[in-house]
Protein backbone atom coordinates (compact mmCIF):
# COMPACT_ATOMS: atom_id res chain seq x y z
CA MET A 1 302.10 17.07 -11.67
CA ASN A 2 298.58 17.39 -11.54
CA ASN A 3 296.96 13.82 -11.28
CA VAL A 4 293.18 14.93 -11.71
CA PRO A 5 291.90 13.46 -14.97
CA SER A 6 291.06 15.68 -17.69
CA ILE A 7 287.79 16.11 -19.17
CA ALA A 8 288.84 14.41 -22.31
CA GLN A 9 289.64 11.51 -20.16
CA LYS A 10 286.91 11.30 -18.28
CA LEU A 11 284.69 11.57 -21.63
CA GLU A 12 287.13 8.58 -22.84
CA THR A 13 286.38 6.56 -19.52
CA ALA A 14 282.88 6.95 -20.26
CA LEU A 15 282.71 6.23 -23.83
CA ASP A 16 284.68 2.82 -22.42
CA GLN A 17 281.74 2.49 -20.29
CA LYS A 18 279.13 2.73 -22.78
CA ILE A 19 281.05 0.20 -25.41
CA GLU A 20 281.14 -2.21 -22.33
CA LYS A 21 277.23 -2.06 -21.56
CA LEU A 22 276.68 -2.05 -25.69
CA GLU A 23 278.93 -5.29 -25.60
CA GLN A 24 276.66 -6.62 -22.44
CA ALA A 25 273.29 -5.85 -24.42
CA ILE A 26 274.68 -7.69 -27.60
CA GLU A 27 275.65 -10.47 -25.54
CA SER A 28 272.23 -10.36 -23.76
CA THR A 29 270.37 -9.97 -26.90
CA LYS A 30 272.18 -13.15 -28.36
CA GLN A 31 270.61 -15.18 -25.30
CA ASN A 32 267.31 -14.06 -25.91
CA LYS A 33 267.56 -11.88 -22.68
CA ILE A 34 266.85 -8.10 -23.52
CA MET A 35 268.44 -5.61 -21.22
CA ASP A 36 266.92 -2.33 -20.26
CA ILE A 37 268.87 0.14 -22.25
CA SER A 38 265.95 3.00 -22.59
CA SER A 39 268.48 5.49 -21.24
CA MET A 40 271.19 5.02 -23.49
CA GLU A 41 270.00 7.08 -26.22
CA ALA A 42 270.18 10.24 -23.95
CA GLU A 43 273.46 9.08 -22.39
CA ILE A 44 275.29 8.72 -25.68
CA GLY A 45 273.79 11.91 -27.20
CA ALA A 46 274.88 13.96 -23.78
CA LEU A 47 278.33 12.27 -24.26
CA CYS A 48 278.48 13.38 -27.95
CA GLN A 49 277.43 16.70 -27.09
CA ASN A 50 280.34 16.98 -24.31
CA ILE A 51 282.77 15.46 -26.95
CA MET A 52 281.68 18.23 -29.04
CA THR A 53 282.32 20.92 -26.91
CA LEU A 54 286.24 20.02 -26.64
CA PRO A 55 288.50 21.45 -28.74
CA SER A 56 289.81 19.74 -31.77
CA GLU A 57 293.21 18.56 -30.38
CA ASP A 58 291.40 16.92 -27.36
CA THR A 59 288.97 14.96 -29.64
CA LYS A 60 291.59 13.47 -31.91
CA PRO A 61 292.54 10.72 -29.33
CA LEU A 62 288.65 10.13 -29.06
CA GLU A 63 287.81 9.51 -32.62
CA PHE A 64 288.68 5.63 -32.10
CA LYS A 65 286.63 4.89 -29.29
CA MET A 66 283.72 6.99 -30.89
CA ALA A 67 284.36 4.80 -34.03
CA GLU A 68 284.14 1.57 -32.16
CA MET A 69 281.05 2.71 -29.88
CA ILE A 70 279.11 3.37 -33.29
CA SER A 71 280.39 -0.20 -34.68
CA ARG A 72 278.73 -1.47 -31.36
CA LEU A 73 275.62 0.34 -31.73
CA GLU A 74 275.16 -1.26 -35.09
CA ASP A 75 276.27 -4.88 -33.99
CA LEU A 76 273.16 -4.35 -31.11
CA ALA A 77 270.94 -2.94 -34.06
CA ASN A 78 271.53 -6.10 -35.95
CA GLU A 79 271.29 -8.37 -33.06
CA ILE A 80 267.82 -7.08 -32.14
CA VAL A 81 266.78 -7.52 -36.06
CA ALA A 82 268.04 -11.25 -35.11
CA TYR A 83 266.47 -11.47 -31.86
CA GLN A 84 263.18 -10.47 -33.71
CA GLN A 85 263.41 -12.64 -36.49
CA ARG A 86 263.82 -15.66 -33.72
CA LEU A 87 260.80 -14.59 -31.83
CA THR A 88 258.88 -14.65 -35.40
CA ALA A 89 260.36 -17.90 -36.21
CA GLN A 90 259.10 -19.39 -32.71
CA LYS A 91 255.70 -17.89 -33.16
CA GLU A 92 255.50 -19.71 -36.56
CA ASP A 93 256.15 -22.69 -34.79
CA LEU A 94 253.51 -22.77 -32.38
């Protein structure tokens, strides 16, 4: 039996890691601390490109993780907007 992870399994692990990093960035932003996520766009782009190269039967199990990652990206975008609004309100109070 082969215990070497398949490419799809490796990509699923990478998706899990990106979701975790996004969740950390969301929580950090809620606390008015900004994480450096400057490489995230390129990393997610490369991850998506790699997933697109898989046969469709291998991508089906990754759909839920992809949807979860997209949801976290939207959550982060919303939290960044809220952060900007907090900063603006603080400046107005000065």
